[in-house]
Amino acid sequence: MYEDLKREADWENNPPAGRILHAAALDKAGNIQVVDLYESEQDFTNYYNSKLKACFDKINAPMPKGDFYQVHNINVHQGIDSYKVK
């Protein structure tokens, strides 16, 4: 489902407004876990309403449950450059 959604939304080539960081990993059970960092909750809501919801619908996948948290601290180190989308 994740790869289908990534392909459909094309967020690597067409990143949503306000997105700072996107990371995805598999947990021990093999389920995908995602962390997105946006400038604001409204930026994510706008992206969801304008594009992401339709992508979930198109691939016939439910929107996973999630929570919003205010970031307390961010440290970005030199190695981050190797993860930037080119």
C-alpha atoms as a PDB file:
ATOM      1  CA  MET A   1       0.000   0.000   0.000  1.00  0.00           C
ATOM      2  CA  TYR A   2       2.745   2.502   0.901  1.00  0.00           C
ATOM      3  CA  GLU A   3       4.569   2.162  -2.422  1.00  0.00           C
ATOM      4  CA  ASP A   4       1.263   2.475  -4.302  1.00  0.00           C
ATOM      5  CA  LEU A   5       0.400   5.615  -2.362  1.00  0.00           C
ATOM      6  CA  LYS A   6       3.879   7.079  -2.860  1.00  0.00           C
ATOM      7  CA  ARG A   7       3.642   6.486  -6.605  1.00  0.00           C
ATOM      8  CA  GLU A   8       0.107   7.896  -6.840  1.00  0.00           C
ATOM      9  CA  ALA A   9       0.776  11.007  -4.735  1.00  0.00           C
ATOM     10  CA  ASP A  10       4.268  11.497  -6.237  1.00  0.00           C
ATOM     11  CA  TRP A  11       5.401  13.403  -3.170  1.00  0.00           C
ATOM     12  CA  GLU A  12       9.094  12.910  -3.956  1.00  0.00           C
ATOM     13  CA  ASN A  13       8.812  14.822  -7.255  1.00  0.00           C
ATOM     14  CA  ASN A  14       5.964  17.101  -6.180  1.00  0.00           C
ATOM     15  CA  PRO A  15       6.342  17.711  -2.433  1.00  0.00           C
ATOM     16  CA  PRO A  16       3.372  19.204  -0.615  1.00  0.00           C
ATOM     17  CA  ALA A  17       3.536  22.761   0.652  1.00  0.00           C
ATOM     18  CA  GLY A  18       4.862  22.971   4.175  1.00  0.00           C
ATOM     19  CA  ARG A  19       6.403  19.496   4.339  1.00  0.00           C
ATOM     20  CA  ILE A  20       9.835  19.559   5.906  1.00  0.00           C
ATOM     21  CA  LEU A  21      10.525  15.859   6.353  1.00  0.00           C
ATOM     22  CA  HIS A  22       8.988  12.493   5.530  1.00  0.00           C
ATOM     23  CA  ALA A  23      10.282   9.199   6.933  1.00  0.00           C
ATOM     24  CA  ALA A  24       8.828   5.703   6.700  1.00  0.00           C
ATOM     25  CA  ALA A  25       9.919   2.476   8.383  1.00  0.00           C
ATOM     26  CA  LEU A  26       8.658  -1.028   8.995  1.00  0.00           C
ATOM     27  CA  ASP A  27       7.969  -2.032  12.578  1.00  0.00           C
ATOM     28  CA  LYS A  28       8.739  -5.519  13.928  1.00  0.00           C
ATOM     29  CA  ALA A  29       5.346  -6.765  12.735  1.00  0.00           C
ATOM     30  CA  GLY A  30       6.017  -5.520   9.198  1.00  0.00           C
ATOM     31  CA  ASN A  31       3.593  -2.598   9.382  1.00  0.00           C
ATOM     32  CA  ILE A  32       4.603   0.710   7.864  1.00  0.00           C
ATOM     33  CA  GLN A  33       5.098   3.576  10.299  1.00  0.00           C
ATOM     34  CA  VAL A  34       5.338   7.135   8.966  1.00  0.00           C
ATOM     35  CA  VAL A  35       6.505  10.410  10.446  1.00  0.00           C
ATOM     36  CA  ASP A  36       5.857  13.637   8.581  1.00  0.00           C
ATOM     37  CA  LEU A  37       7.071  17.001   9.741  1.00  0.00           C
ATOM     38  CA  TYR A  38       5.102  19.969   8.402  1.00  0.00           C
ATOM     39  CA  GLU A  39       5.358  23.684   9.026  1.00  0.00           C
ATOM     40  CA  SER A  40       1.843  23.506  10.465  1.00  0.00           C
ATOM     41  CA  GLU A  41      -1.056  21.138  11.026  1.00  0.00           C
ATOM     42  CA  GLN A  42      -2.980  23.243   8.506  1.00  0.00           C
ATOM     43  CA  ASP A  43      -0.384  22.474   5.811  1.00  0.00           C
ATOM     44  CA  PHE A  44      -0.960  18.752   6.309  1.00  0.00           C
ATOM     45  CA  THR A  45      -4.741  19.211   6.384  1.00  0.00           C
ATOM     46  CA  ASN A  46      -4.603  21.181   3.136  1.00  0.00           C
ATOM     47  CA  TYR A  47      -2.505  18.468   1.476  1.00  0.00           C
ATOM     48  CA  TYR A  48      -4.784  15.720   2.735  1.00  0.00           C
ATOM     49  CA  ASN A  49      -7.911  17.485   1.486  1.00  0.00           C
ATOM     50  CA  SER A  50      -6.459  18.604  -1.855  1.00  0.00           C
ATOM     51  CA  LYS A  51      -4.564  15.454  -2.873  1.00  0.00           C
ATOM     52  CA  LEU A  52      -3.833  12.695  -0.360  1.00  0.00           C
ATOM     53  CA  LYS A  53      -7.434  11.672   0.350  1.00  0.00           C
ATOM     54  CA  ALA A  54      -8.083  11.122  -3.359  1.00  0.00           C
ATOM     55  CA  CYS A  55      -4.917   9.011  -3.598  1.00  0.00           C
ATOM     56  CA  PHE A  56      -6.026   6.805  -0.694  1.00  0.00           C
ATOM     57  CA  ASP A  57      -9.421   6.435  -2.367  1.00  0.00           C
ATOM     58  CA  LYS A  58      -7.871   5.598  -5.744  1.00  0.00           C
ATOM     59  CA  ILE A  59      -5.761   2.767  -4.315  1.00  0.00           C
ATOM     60  CA  ASN A  60      -8.703   1.674  -2.146  1.00  0.00           C
ATOM     61  CA  ALA A  61      -6.818   2.070   1.126  1.00  0.00           C
ATOM     62  CA  PRO A  62      -8.085   3.477   4.413  1.00  0.00           C
ATOM     63  CA  MET A  63      -6.461   6.563   5.867  1.00  0.00           C
ATOM     64  CA  PRO A  64      -4.423   5.391   8.843  1.00  0.00           C
ATOM     65  CA  LYS A  65      -4.979   6.932  12.242  1.00  0.00           C
ATOM     66  CA  GLY A  66      -2.480   9.533  13.272  1.00  0.00           C
ATOM     67  CA  ASP A  67      -1.788  12.249  15.763  1.00  0.00           C
ATOM     68  CA  PHE A  68      -0.366  15.749  15.616  1.00  0.00           C
ATOM     69  CA  TYR A  69       2.347  16.908  17.987  1.00  0.00           C
ATOM     70  CA  GLN A  70       4.085  20.236  18.379  1.00  0.00           C
ATOM     71  CA  VAL A  71       7.821  19.749  17.901  1.00  0.00           C
ATOM     72  CA  HIS A  72       9.838  20.515  20.990  1.00  0.00           C
ATOM     73  CA  ASN A  73      13.332  20.215  19.504  1.00  0.00           C
ATOM     74  CA  ILE A  74      14.958  19.417  16.168  1.00  0.00           C
ATOM     75  CA  ASN A  75      18.627  18.666  15.601  1.00  0.00           C
ATOM     76  CA  VAL A  76      19.805  18.253  12.029  1.00  0.00           C
ATOM     77  CA  HIS A  77      23.279  16.864  11.505  1.00  0.00           C
ATOM     78  CA  GLN A  78      25.660  16.676   8.570  1.00  0.00           C
ATOM     79  CA  GLY A  79      24.506  13.211   7.443  1.00  0.00           C
ATOM     80  CA  ILE A  80      21.050  14.534   6.545  1.00  0.00           C
ATOM     81  CA  ASP A  81      22.299  15.626   3.129  1.00  0.00           C
ATOM     82  CA  SER A  82      22.459  12.037   1.892  1.00  0.00           C
ATOM     83  CA  TYR A  83      18.682  11.720   2.410  1.00  0.00           C
ATOM     84  CA  LYS A  84      17.621  14.816   0.501  1.00  0.00           C
ATOM     85  CA  VAL A  85      15.449  14.136  -2.535  1.00  0.00           C
ATOM     86  CA  LYS A  86      17.380  15.126  -5.619  1.00  0.00           C
END
